[in-house]
Amino acid sequence: MKKWIKATGLGLLLSTASYATHAAQNIGVVVVPAVMQHLAEANNVQGRMEAEFKDRVNALRSIEQKGKEKLEQLQRDGELMSDEDRRSLQREIAQLESEFKLSAQALREDQATRSREEEQKLVSQLQEAIDSVAEAGGYDIILDGSAVAFAKEEHNLTQKVIDAL
């Protein structure tokens, strides 16, 4: 019985000491989505991505336009065409449709890959900025503000992180 009382007392003592340690920690909060938005705009990620894929998007539009023209021609002149000409035009339309689908799929995959690469660069820059603010301010813990229910404004480091970028 004495051992149990001693163990309980020791546990209570350690838990209050642990609580006191937590109270002394310097905690900050960063609203990560806001910083990421600022970082993406500052680096003009969207503009660079559009410029990088502009030629492929235009080529895709050209294929789409050709397909529409061929389809309109089939609808307009299909009844007047010979069976052989109609089948030939239908094959051309099918080929353009297939080419469009393959090109669009490849474009989407490449855009997604580049988007992930750009996001990784931004996340790396964000982490470096957070680390430098934390070190400069002597913070023990920095939490994502979108995961925190409440934090005093004095703990919000979002603007400091943006300035550090």
N, C-alpha and C. Protein backbone atom coordinates (compact mmCIF):
# COMPACT_ATOMS: atom_id res chain seq x y z
N MET A 1 0.82 -1.18 0.00
CA MET A 1 0.00 0.00 0.00
C MET A 1 0.87 1.25 0.00
N LYS A 2 1.98 1.25 0.79
CA LYS A 2 2.87 2.40 0.83
C LYS A 2 3.52 2.63 -0.53
N LYS A 3 3.86 1.54 -1.21
CA LYS A 3 4.48 1.68 -2.53
C LYS A 3 3.51 2.33 -3.50
N TRP A 4 2.25 1.95 -3.40
CA TRP A 4 1.23 2.51 -4.29
C TRP A 4 1.06 4.00 -4.03
N ILE A 5 1.05 4.41 -2.78
CA ILE A 5 0.91 5.82 -2.42
C ILE A 5 2.13 6.61 -2.88
N LYS A 6 3.32 6.04 -2.72
CA LYS A 6 4.54 6.70 -3.17
C LYS A 6 4.53 6.85 -4.70
N ALA A 7 4.11 5.81 -5.40
CA ALA A 7 4.08 5.85 -6.87
C ALA A 7 3.08 6.90 -7.35
N THR A 8 1.92 6.97 -6.69
CA THR A 8 0.91 7.95 -7.06
C THR A 8 1.41 9.36 -6.79
N GLY A 9 2.04 9.57 -5.68
CA GLY A 9 2.60 10.88 -5.33
C GLY A 9 3.68 11.30 -6.31
N LEU A 10 4.55 10.37 -6.66
CA LEU A 10 5.61 10.65 -7.61
C LEU A 10 5.02 11.00 -8.98
N GLY A 11 4.00 10.25 -9.41
CA GLY A 11 3.33 10.53 -10.69
C GLY A 11 2.69 11.90 -10.70
N LEU A 12 2.05 12.26 -9.58
CA LEU A 12 1.41 13.58 -9.47
C LEU A 12 2.47 14.68 -9.51
N LEU A 13 3.57 14.47 -8.84
CA LEU A 13 4.66 15.44 -8.83
C LEU A 13 5.23 15.62 -10.23
N LEU A 14 5.46 14.53 -10.93
CA LEU A 14 6.01 14.61 -12.28
C LEU A 14 5.04 15.28 -13.25
N SER A 15 3.75 14.99 -13.10
CA SER A 15 2.78 15.60 -14.02
C SER A 15 2.67 17.10 -13.79
N THR A 16 2.77 17.57 -12.56
CA THR A 16 2.72 19.02 -12.32
C THR A 16 4.01 19.67 -12.79
N ALA A 17 5.12 18.98 -12.67
CA ALA A 17 6.39 19.52 -13.18
C ALA A 17 6.34 19.60 -14.70
N SER A 18 5.75 18.60 -15.33
CA SER A 18 5.61 18.60 -16.78
C SER A 18 4.71 19.75 -17.24
N TYR A 19 3.63 20.01 -16.49
CA TYR A 19 2.71 21.11 -16.82
C TYR A 19 3.44 22.45 -16.71
N ALA A 20 4.25 22.60 -15.69
CA ALA A 20 4.99 23.85 -15.51
C ALA A 20 5.99 24.04 -16.65
N THR A 21 6.57 22.97 -17.13
CA THR A 21 7.50 23.06 -18.25
C THR A 21 6.77 23.51 -19.51
N HIS A 22 5.58 22.96 -19.74
CA HIS A 22 4.80 23.35 -20.91
C HIS A 22 4.39 24.81 -20.86
N ALA A 23 4.10 25.31 -19.68
CA ALA A 23 3.67 26.69 -19.54
C ALA A 23 4.80 27.66 -19.88
N ALA A 24 6.04 27.23 -19.73
CA ALA A 24 7.18 28.10 -19.99
C ALA A 24 7.59 28.10 -21.45
N GLN A 25 7.00 27.25 -22.28
CA GLN A 25 7.38 27.18 -23.68
C GLN A 25 6.83 28.38 -24.46
N ASN A 26 7.60 28.79 -25.43
CA ASN A 26 7.20 29.90 -26.29
C ASN A 26 6.56 29.31 -27.55
N ILE A 27 5.27 29.58 -27.74
CA ILE A 27 4.52 28.96 -28.83
C ILE A 27 4.05 30.04 -29.80
N GLY A 28 4.18 29.75 -31.09
CA GLY A 28 3.71 30.66 -32.13
C GLY A 28 2.76 29.95 -33.07
N VAL A 29 2.03 30.73 -33.84
CA VAL A 29 1.04 30.20 -34.77
C VAL A 29 1.26 30.86 -36.14
N VAL A 30 1.23 30.06 -37.19
CA VAL A 30 1.35 30.56 -38.56
C VAL A 30 0.19 30.02 -39.37
N VAL A 31 -0.53 30.91 -40.05
CA VAL A 31 -1.62 30.49 -40.93
C VAL A 31 -0.97 30.12 -42.27
N VAL A 32 -0.69 28.84 -42.43
CA VAL A 32 0.07 28.34 -43.57
C VAL A 32 -0.61 28.64 -44.91
N PRO A 33 -1.92 28.41 -45.06
CA PRO A 33 -2.53 28.71 -46.37
C PRO A 33 -2.35 30.17 -46.80
N ALA A 34 -2.42 31.10 -45.87
CA ALA A 34 -2.23 32.51 -46.21
C ALA A 34 -0.80 32.76 -46.69
N VAL A 35 0.16 32.15 -46.02
CA VAL A 35 1.56 32.33 -46.41
C VAL A 35 1.81 31.66 -47.77
N MET A 36 1.24 30.50 -47.97
CA MET A 36 1.42 29.80 -49.26
C MET A 36 0.82 30.62 -50.40
N GLN A 37 -0.34 31.22 -50.18
CA GLN A 37 -0.98 32.06 -51.19
C GLN A 37 -0.08 33.25 -51.53
N HIS A 38 0.45 33.89 -50.51
CA HIS A 38 1.35 35.03 -50.72
C HIS A 38 2.60 34.59 -51.48
N LEU A 39 3.14 33.48 -51.09
CA LEU A 39 4.36 32.96 -51.71
C LEU A 39 4.13 32.60 -53.17
N ALA A 40 3.00 31.97 -53.47
CA ALA A 40 2.68 31.60 -54.85
C ALA A 40 2.50 32.85 -55.71
N GLU A 41 1.84 33.87 -55.17
CA GLU A 41 1.66 35.12 -55.92
C GLU A 41 2.99 35.83 -56.11
N ALA A 42 3.81 35.86 -55.09
CA ALA A 42 5.10 36.54 -55.19
C ALA A 42 6.01 35.87 -56.21
N ASN A 43 5.94 34.57 -56.31
CA ASN A 43 6.76 33.83 -57.26
C ASN A 43 6.11 33.69 -58.63
N ASN A 44 4.89 34.23 -58.79
CA ASN A 44 4.14 34.16 -60.04
C ASN A 44 4.09 32.73 -60.58
N VAL A 45 3.77 31.81 -59.74
CA VAL A 45 3.73 30.40 -60.11
C VAL A 45 2.72 30.15 -61.23
N GLN A 46 1.53 30.72 -61.07
CA GLN A 46 0.48 30.50 -62.07
C GLN A 46 0.91 31.02 -63.44
N GLY A 47 1.49 32.19 -63.48
CA GLY A 47 1.93 32.78 -64.75
C GLY A 47 3.03 31.96 -65.41
N ARG A 48 3.96 31.49 -64.61
CA ARG A 48 5.04 30.66 -65.17
C ARG A 48 4.51 29.34 -65.71
N MET A 49 3.56 28.76 -64.97
CA MET A 49 2.97 27.48 -65.42
C MET A 49 2.21 27.68 -66.73
N GLU A 50 1.44 28.76 -66.83
CA GLU A 50 0.70 29.03 -68.06
C GLU A 50 1.65 29.25 -69.22
N ALA A 51 2.72 29.99 -69.01
CA ALA A 51 3.70 30.23 -70.07
C ALA A 51 4.39 28.93 -70.49
N GLU A 52 4.68 28.09 -69.53
CA GLU A 52 5.38 26.83 -69.82
C GLU A 52 4.53 25.90 -70.68
N PHE A 53 3.23 25.87 -70.45
CA PHE A 53 2.36 24.95 -71.17
C PHE A 53 1.55 25.62 -72.28
N LYS A 54 1.84 26.87 -72.58
CA LYS A 54 1.06 27.63 -73.55
C LYS A 54 1.03 26.96 -74.92
N ASP A 55 2.18 26.53 -75.43
CA ASP A 55 2.25 25.93 -76.77
C ASP A 55 1.43 24.64 -76.83
N ARG A 56 1.51 23.83 -75.79
CA ARG A 56 0.76 22.57 -75.79
C ARG A 56 -0.73 22.81 -75.69
N VAL A 57 -1.13 23.81 -74.92
CA VAL A 57 -2.55 24.15 -74.80
C VAL A 57 -3.07 24.64 -76.14
N ASN A 58 -2.27 25.48 -76.82
CA ASN A 58 -2.68 25.98 -78.14
C ASN A 58 -2.79 24.84 -79.16
N ALA A 59 -1.86 23.89 -79.11
CA ALA A 59 -1.92 22.74 -80.01
C ALA A 59 -3.18 21.93 -79.75
N LEU A 60 -3.54 21.79 -78.50
CA LEU A 60 -4.75 21.07 -78.12
C LEU A 60 -6.00 21.79 -78.62
N ARG A 61 -6.00 23.08 -78.51
CA ARG A 61 -7.13 23.87 -79.03
C ARG A 61 -7.25 23.74 -80.54
N SER A 62 -6.12 23.69 -81.20
CA SER A 62 -6.11 23.54 -82.65
C SER A 62 -6.72 22.19 -83.06
N ILE A 63 -6.35 21.14 -82.36
CA ILE A 63 -6.92 19.81 -82.64
C ILE A 63 -8.42 19.84 -82.39
N GLU A 64 -8.83 20.48 -81.31
CA GLU A 64 -10.26 20.57 -80.98
C GLU A 64 -11.01 21.33 -82.09
N GLN A 65 -10.43 22.40 -82.56
CA GLN A 65 -11.07 23.20 -83.61
C GLN A 65 -11.19 22.40 -84.90
N LYS A 66 -10.15 21.68 -85.26
CA LYS A 66 -10.20 20.84 -86.47
C LYS A 66 -11.30 19.80 -86.35
N GLY A 67 -11.40 19.20 -85.19
CA GLY A 67 -12.44 18.19 -84.96
C GLY A 67 -13.83 18.79 -85.08
N LYS A 68 -14.03 19.98 -84.54
CA LYS A 68 -15.34 20.64 -84.65
C LYS A 68 -15.67 20.95 -86.10
N GLU A 69 -14.68 21.42 -86.84
CA GLU A 69 -14.91 21.75 -88.25
C GLU A 69 -15.29 20.50 -89.05
N LYS A 70 -14.57 19.41 -88.80
CA LYS A 70 -14.86 18.15 -89.50
C LYS A 70 -16.25 17.63 -89.13
N LEU A 71 -16.62 17.75 -87.87
CA LEU A 71 -17.94 17.30 -87.41
C LEU A 71 -19.04 18.15 -88.04
N GLU A 72 -18.83 19.45 -88.11
CA GLU A 72 -19.80 20.33 -88.76
C GLU A 72 -19.93 19.98 -90.24
N GLN A 73 -18.80 19.68 -90.87
CA GLN A 73 -18.83 19.30 -92.29
C GLN A 73 -19.62 18.01 -92.46
N LEU A 74 -19.43 17.06 -91.57
CA LEU A 74 -20.16 15.79 -91.66
C LEU A 74 -21.65 16.02 -91.46
N GLN A 75 -22.01 16.84 -90.49
CA GLN A 75 -23.42 17.11 -90.24
C GLN A 75 -24.06 17.89 -91.40
N ARG A 76 -23.30 18.80 -91.96
CA ARG A 76 -23.82 19.65 -93.02
C ARG A 76 -23.90 18.90 -94.36
N ASP A 77 -22.82 18.18 -94.71
CA ASP A 77 -22.72 17.57 -96.04
C ASP A 77 -22.82 16.05 -96.03
N GLY A 78 -23.03 15.46 -94.86
CA GLY A 78 -23.01 14.01 -94.74
C GLY A 78 -23.97 13.29 -95.66
N GLU A 79 -25.15 13.81 -95.81
CA GLU A 79 -26.16 13.15 -96.65
C GLU A 79 -25.83 13.27 -98.12
N LEU A 80 -25.07 14.29 -98.49
CA LEU A 80 -24.73 14.50 -99.89
C LEU A 80 -23.46 13.76 -100.30
N MET A 81 -22.68 13.30 -99.33
CA MET A 81 -21.40 12.63 -99.60
C MET A 81 -21.63 11.17 -99.98
N SER A 82 -20.64 10.67 -100.67
CA SER A 82 -20.68 9.23 -100.96
C SER A 82 -20.36 8.49 -99.67
N ASP A 83 -20.70 7.22 -99.63
CA ASP A 83 -20.44 6.41 -98.43
C ASP A 83 -18.95 6.39 -98.09
N GLU A 84 -18.13 6.28 -99.12
CA GLU A 84 -16.68 6.23 -98.91
C GLU A 84 -16.16 7.54 -98.32
N ASP A 85 -16.62 8.67 -98.85
CA ASP A 85 -16.20 9.98 -98.33
C ASP A 85 -16.68 10.19 -96.89
N ARG A 86 -17.91 9.77 -96.60
CA ARG A 86 -18.46 9.90 -95.26
C ARG A 86 -17.66 9.07 -94.26
N ARG A 87 -17.35 7.82 -94.64
CA ARG A 87 -16.54 6.97 -93.75
C ARG A 87 -15.15 7.54 -93.54
N SER A 88 -14.58 8.09 -94.59
CA SER A 88 -13.26 8.70 -94.48
C SER A 88 -13.29 9.89 -93.52
N LEU A 89 -14.30 10.72 -93.64
CA LEU A 89 -14.46 11.86 -92.76
C LEU A 89 -14.72 11.41 -91.31
N GLN A 90 -15.51 10.36 -91.14
CA GLN A 90 -15.77 9.82 -89.79
C GLN A 90 -14.48 9.28 -89.17
N ARG A 91 -13.64 8.65 -89.99
CA ARG A 91 -12.34 8.17 -89.48
C ARG A 91 -11.45 9.33 -89.06
N GLU A 92 -11.45 10.39 -89.87
CA GLU A 92 -10.66 11.57 -89.52
C GLU A 92 -11.14 12.16 -88.19
N ILE A 93 -12.45 12.25 -88.02
CA ILE A 93 -13.01 12.78 -86.78
C ILE A 93 -12.62 11.89 -85.60
N ALA A 94 -12.72 10.59 -85.77
CA ALA A 94 -12.34 9.65 -84.71
C ALA A 94 -10.86 9.76 -84.38
N GLN A 95 -10.03 9.93 -85.42
CA GLN A 95 -8.60 10.07 -85.20
C GLN A 95 -8.29 11.37 -84.45
N LEU A 96 -8.94 12.46 -84.84
CA LEU A 96 -8.75 13.73 -84.13
C LEU A 96 -9.21 13.65 -82.68
N GLU A 97 -10.33 12.98 -82.48
CA GLU A 97 -10.85 12.81 -81.11
C GLU A 97 -9.88 12.01 -80.26
N SER A 98 -9.34 10.94 -80.84
CA SER A 98 -8.38 10.11 -80.12
C SER A 98 -7.10 10.90 -79.82
N GLU A 99 -6.62 11.64 -80.81
CA GLU A 99 -5.42 12.47 -80.62
C GLU A 99 -5.66 13.52 -79.54
N PHE A 100 -6.84 14.12 -79.56
CA PHE A 100 -7.19 15.12 -78.55
C PHE A 100 -7.18 14.52 -77.15
N LYS A 101 -7.82 13.36 -77.01
CA LYS A 101 -7.89 12.72 -75.69
C LYS A 101 -6.50 12.37 -75.16
N LEU A 102 -5.66 11.80 -76.03
CA LEU A 102 -4.30 11.43 -75.60
C LEU A 102 -3.48 12.66 -75.24
N SER A 103 -3.56 13.68 -76.07
CA SER A 103 -2.80 14.90 -75.80
C SER A 103 -3.29 15.59 -74.53
N ALA A 104 -4.61 15.63 -74.34
CA ALA A 104 -5.17 16.26 -73.14
C ALA A 104 -4.75 15.50 -71.89
N GLN A 105 -4.76 14.18 -71.97
CA GLN A 105 -4.36 13.35 -70.82
C GLN A 105 -2.89 13.60 -70.47
N ALA A 106 -2.03 13.62 -71.49
CA ALA A 106 -0.61 13.86 -71.26
C ALA A 106 -0.38 15.26 -70.68
N LEU A 107 -1.11 16.24 -71.20
CA LEU A 107 -0.99 17.60 -70.71
C LEU A 107 -1.41 17.70 -69.24
N ARG A 108 -2.54 17.09 -68.91
CA ARG A 108 -3.00 17.12 -67.51
C ARG A 108 -1.99 16.49 -66.57
N GLU A 109 -1.42 15.35 -66.99
CA GLU A 109 -0.43 14.68 -66.15
C GLU A 109 0.82 15.52 -65.97
N ASP A 110 1.29 16.13 -67.07
CA ASP A 110 2.49 16.96 -66.98
C ASP A 110 2.23 18.21 -66.13
N GLN A 111 1.06 18.81 -66.28
CA GLN A 111 0.72 19.97 -65.46
C GLN A 111 0.64 19.59 -63.98
N ALA A 112 0.06 18.44 -63.69
CA ALA A 112 -0.03 17.99 -62.30
C ALA A 112 1.36 17.75 -61.72
N THR A 113 2.24 17.15 -62.50
CA THR A 113 3.60 16.89 -62.05
C THR A 113 4.34 18.20 -61.76
N ARG A 114 4.25 19.15 -62.70
CA ARG A 114 4.91 20.44 -62.51
C ARG A 114 4.31 21.20 -61.32
N SER A 115 3.01 21.10 -61.16
CA SER A 115 2.35 21.76 -60.04
C SER A 115 2.86 21.21 -58.72
N ARG A 116 3.01 19.89 -58.64
CA ARG A 116 3.56 19.29 -57.42
C ARG A 116 5.00 19.75 -57.18
N GLU A 117 5.79 19.84 -58.25
CA GLU A 117 7.17 20.30 -58.12
C GLU A 117 7.22 21.74 -57.59
N GLU A 118 6.39 22.59 -58.15
CA GLU A 118 6.34 23.98 -57.70
C GLU A 118 5.87 24.07 -56.25
N GLU A 119 4.89 23.26 -55.90
CA GLU A 119 4.39 23.27 -54.53
C GLU A 119 5.47 22.83 -53.56
N GLN A 120 6.26 21.84 -53.95
CA GLN A 120 7.36 21.38 -53.10
C GLN A 120 8.38 22.49 -52.89
N LYS A 121 8.66 23.26 -53.94
CA LYS A 121 9.59 24.39 -53.80
C LYS A 121 9.04 25.41 -52.81
N LEU A 122 7.74 25.71 -52.94
CA LEU A 122 7.12 26.68 -52.05
C LEU A 122 7.12 26.19 -50.60
N VAL A 123 6.82 24.91 -50.42
CA VAL A 123 6.81 24.34 -49.07
C VAL A 123 8.22 24.41 -48.46
N SER A 124 9.23 24.17 -49.26
CA SER A 124 10.61 24.25 -48.78
C SER A 124 10.95 25.68 -48.36
N GLN A 125 10.56 26.66 -49.18
CA GLN A 125 10.80 28.06 -48.84
C GLN A 125 10.04 28.45 -47.57
N LEU A 126 8.80 27.98 -47.48
CA LEU A 126 7.98 28.26 -46.31
C LEU A 126 8.64 27.69 -45.05
N GLN A 127 9.10 26.47 -45.13
CA GLN A 127 9.72 25.84 -43.96
C GLN A 127 10.97 26.58 -43.53
N GLU A 128 11.76 27.04 -44.50
CA GLU A 128 12.97 27.80 -44.17
C GLU A 128 12.60 29.11 -43.47
N ALA A 129 11.55 29.78 -43.96
CA ALA A 129 11.12 31.04 -43.36
C ALA A 129 10.60 30.81 -41.94
N ILE A 130 9.81 29.77 -41.76
CA ILE A 130 9.29 29.46 -40.43
C ILE A 130 10.44 29.14 -39.48
N ASP A 131 11.41 28.35 -39.95
CA ASP A 131 12.56 28.01 -39.11
C ASP A 131 13.34 29.26 -38.71
N SER A 132 13.53 30.19 -39.64
CA SER A 132 14.31 31.39 -39.31
C SER A 132 13.55 32.29 -38.33
N VAL A 133 12.23 32.40 -38.50
CA VAL A 133 11.42 33.20 -37.55
C VAL A 133 11.43 32.54 -36.18
N ALA A 134 11.32 31.22 -36.16
CA ALA A 134 11.30 30.50 -34.88
C ALA A 134 12.63 30.66 -34.15
N GLU A 135 13.70 30.56 -34.89
CA GLU A 135 15.02 30.69 -34.27
C GLU A 135 15.26 32.13 -33.79
N ALA A 136 14.90 33.09 -34.63
CA ALA A 136 15.11 34.50 -34.26
C ALA A 136 14.25 34.90 -33.06
N GLY A 137 13.04 34.37 -32.95
CA GLY A 137 12.14 34.73 -31.86
C GLY A 137 12.24 33.82 -30.66
N GLY A 138 13.05 32.78 -30.75
CA GLY A 138 13.20 31.86 -29.63
C GLY A 138 11.96 31.02 -29.37
N TYR A 139 11.25 30.66 -30.42
CA TYR A 139 10.03 29.86 -30.27
C TYR A 139 10.37 28.39 -30.14
N ASP A 140 9.66 27.73 -29.23
CA ASP A 140 9.84 26.29 -29.03
C ASP A 140 8.95 25.50 -29.98
N ILE A 141 7.75 26.01 -30.20
CA ILE A 141 6.77 25.30 -31.03
C ILE A 141 6.07 26.33 -31.91
N ILE A 142 5.90 25.97 -33.18
CA ILE A 142 5.09 26.79 -34.08
C ILE A 142 4.04 25.86 -34.68
N LEU A 143 2.78 26.25 -34.51
CA LEU A 143 1.65 25.45 -34.97
C LEU A 143 1.03 26.05 -36.22
N ASP A 144 0.39 25.20 -37.00
CA ASP A 144 -0.37 25.66 -38.16
C ASP A 144 -1.66 26.30 -37.65
N GLY A 145 -1.85 27.56 -37.98
CA GLY A 145 -3.01 28.31 -37.50
C GLY A 145 -4.34 27.75 -37.93
N SER A 146 -4.38 27.05 -39.06
CA SER A 146 -5.65 26.47 -39.50
C SER A 146 -6.02 25.24 -38.68
N ALA A 147 -5.09 24.74 -37.88
CA ALA A 147 -5.38 23.58 -37.03
C ALA A 147 -5.60 23.97 -35.57
N VAL A 148 -5.54 25.27 -35.30
CA VAL A 148 -5.68 25.75 -33.93
C VAL A 148 -7.04 26.42 -33.79
N ALA A 149 -7.77 26.05 -32.75
CA ALA A 149 -9.09 26.62 -32.54
C ALA A 149 -9.01 28.08 -32.10
N PHE A 150 -8.03 28.42 -31.28
CA PHE A 150 -7.90 29.78 -30.80
C PHE A 150 -6.44 30.05 -30.47
N ALA A 151 -6.00 31.25 -30.81
CA ALA A 151 -4.68 31.72 -30.40
C ALA A 151 -4.73 33.23 -30.29
N LYS A 152 -4.09 33.76 -29.29
CA LYS A 152 -4.03 35.21 -29.14
C LYS A 152 -3.25 35.79 -30.32
N GLU A 153 -3.61 37.00 -30.70
CA GLU A 153 -2.97 37.65 -31.84
C GLU A 153 -1.46 37.81 -31.63
N GLU A 154 -1.05 37.94 -30.39
CA GLU A 154 0.38 38.11 -30.10
C GLU A 154 1.20 36.86 -30.47
N HIS A 155 0.52 35.71 -30.62
CA HIS A 155 1.21 34.48 -30.99
C HIS A 155 1.19 34.24 -32.50
N ASN A 156 0.47 35.08 -33.24
CA ASN A 156 0.35 34.91 -34.69
C ASN A 156 1.61 35.44 -35.37
N LEU A 157 2.33 34.55 -36.00
CA LEU A 157 3.61 34.89 -36.65
C LEU A 157 3.48 34.95 -38.17
N THR A 158 2.28 34.93 -38.68
CA THR A 158 2.06 34.84 -40.12
C THR A 158 2.77 35.98 -40.86
N GLN A 159 2.57 37.21 -40.41
CA GLN A 159 3.17 38.35 -41.09
C GLN A 159 4.70 38.32 -41.00
N LYS A 160 5.24 37.87 -39.86
CA LYS A 160 6.68 37.76 -39.72
C LYS A 160 7.26 36.75 -40.70
N VAL A 161 6.53 35.64 -40.90
CA VAL A 161 6.98 34.62 -41.85
C VAL A 161 6.92 35.17 -43.28
N ILE A 162 5.84 35.90 -43.60
CA ILE A 162 5.72 36.50 -44.93
C ILE A 162 6.87 37.48 -45.16
N ASP A 163 7.17 38.28 -44.14
CA ASP A 163 8.28 39.24 -44.26
C ASP A 163 9.62 38.54 -44.42
N ALA A 164 9.75 37.36 -43.82
CA ALA A 164 11.02 36.61 -43.91
C ALA A 164 11.23 35.99 -45.28
N LEU A 165 10.16 35.90 -46.03
CA LEU A 165 10.29 35.33 -47.38
C LEU A 165 10.91 36.34 -48.30
